[in-house]
Amino acid sequence: MKRITLAEAKEHLLEYLLDAEKQSIVITHNGEPIGALVGFKGDDDWFDFRLENDDLFLKRVAWARMTLRRGEGIPWQDVQTGRERRFELE
């Protein structure tokens, strides 16, 4: 993990973004961490990042896990025919 100052990040942003593809980069201000740079090697990394940070997607995953634990999974045949149950997210 690399630590850089906010001033360094501003001055060399592209360089650090490219470097962030290979390692984590923490940005500091007055010696304290204030953020991090995330680099993407390609579209797959960008897609994964969006999913990992999408509240609706994460709620759907949590709902699916909860229903499976209760034995309420959706039969594969229903998924294939489009008859799966709909659910409400809070």
Protein backbone atom coordinates (compact mmCIF):
# COMPACT_ATOMS: atom_id res chain seq x y z
CA MET A 1 0.00 0.00 0.00
CA LYS A 2 1.30 3.39 -0.98
CA ARG A 3 0.57 6.60 0.94
CA ILE A 4 0.66 9.97 -0.80
CA THR A 5 -0.26 13.48 0.24
CA LEU A 6 -3.19 15.35 -1.20
CA ALA A 7 -0.76 17.76 -2.86
CA GLU A 8 1.04 14.84 -4.56
CA ALA A 9 -2.28 13.40 -5.72
CA LYS A 10 -3.30 16.70 -7.27
CA GLU A 11 0.02 17.16 -9.01
CA HIS A 12 0.35 13.63 -10.42
CA LEU A 13 -3.21 12.30 -10.53
CA LEU A 14 -2.98 10.32 -13.77
CA GLU A 15 0.27 8.69 -12.70
CA TYR A 16 -1.23 7.62 -9.37
CA LEU A 17 -4.46 6.37 -10.97
CA LEU A 18 -2.44 4.16 -13.29
CA ASP A 19 -0.40 2.99 -10.31
CA ALA A 20 -3.64 2.21 -8.43
CA GLU A 21 -4.32 -0.57 -10.95
CA LYS A 22 -1.49 -2.47 -9.25
CA GLN A 23 -1.60 -1.38 -5.61
CA SER A 24 -3.76 0.48 -3.11
CA ILE A 25 -3.03 4.18 -2.79
CA VAL A 26 -4.14 6.09 0.29
CA ILE A 27 -4.31 9.89 0.12
CA THR A 28 -3.42 11.78 3.28
CA HIS A 29 -3.98 15.34 4.45
CA ASN A 30 -2.01 16.63 7.44
CA GLY A 31 -0.77 13.07 7.93
CA GLU A 32 -4.27 11.56 8.23
CA PRO A 33 -5.90 9.28 5.63
CA ILE A 34 -8.73 11.07 3.81
CA GLY A 35 -9.36 8.86 0.80
CA ALA A 36 -8.07 6.23 -1.57
CA LEU A 37 -7.55 5.83 -5.28
CA VAL A 38 -9.07 2.87 -7.10
CA GLY A 39 -7.64 1.97 -10.48
CA PHE A 40 -9.35 -0.21 -13.07
CA LYS A 41 -7.42 -2.50 -15.39
CA GLY A 42 -10.40 -2.73 -17.71
CA ASP A 43 -14.15 -2.85 -18.07
CA ASP A 44 -14.46 -5.95 -15.88
CA ASP A 45 -12.85 -4.16 -12.93
CA TRP A 46 -15.12 -1.14 -13.48
CA PHE A 47 -18.19 -3.41 -13.62
CA ASP A 48 -17.17 -5.24 -10.43
CA PHE A 49 -16.61 -1.94 -8.61
CA ARG A 50 -20.05 -0.68 -9.62
CA LEU A 51 -21.73 -3.88 -8.39
CA GLU A 52 -19.83 -3.88 -5.11
CA ASN A 53 -21.00 -0.32 -4.45
CA ASP A 54 -24.60 -0.56 -5.70
CA ASP A 55 -27.04 -0.50 -2.77
CA LEU A 56 -29.89 -2.11 -4.72
CA PHE A 57 -27.68 -4.98 -5.91
CA LEU A 58 -26.35 -5.56 -2.38
CA LYS A 59 -29.92 -5.60 -1.00
CA ARG A 60 -30.92 -8.16 -3.61
CA VAL A 61 -27.98 -10.38 -2.70
CA ALA A 62 -28.87 -10.11 1.01
CA TRP A 63 -32.50 -10.97 0.25
CA ALA A 64 -31.48 -13.98 -1.83
CA ARG A 65 -29.20 -15.27 0.93
CA MET A 66 -31.92 -14.81 3.54
CA THR A 67 -34.49 -16.72 1.49
CA LEU A 68 -32.05 -19.55 0.81
CA ARG A 69 -31.29 -19.87 4.53
CA ARG A 70 -35.05 -20.17 5.17
CA GLY A 71 -35.36 -22.80 2.44
CA GLU A 72 -37.35 -20.49 0.20
CA GLY A 73 -35.14 -20.57 -2.86
CA ILE A 74 -36.58 -20.16 -6.36
CA PRO A 75 -36.71 -23.38 -8.38
CA TRP A 76 -34.44 -23.23 -11.44
CA GLN A 77 -37.37 -24.07 -13.72
CA ASP A 78 -39.22 -20.95 -12.54
CA VAL A 79 -36.16 -18.83 -13.25
CA GLN A 80 -35.85 -20.30 -16.75
CA THR A 81 -39.52 -19.66 -17.56
CA GLY A 82 -39.57 -16.19 -15.98
CA ARG A 83 -42.05 -17.20 -13.26
CA GLU A 84 -39.77 -16.42 -10.32
CA ARG A 85 -41.34 -14.66 -7.38
CA ARG A 86 -40.94 -10.91 -7.17
CA PHE A 87 -39.77 -9.34 -3.95
CA GLU A 88 -39.89 -5.97 -2.26
CA LEU A 89 -36.81 -4.27 -0.92
CA GLU A 90 -37.08 -1.94 2.03
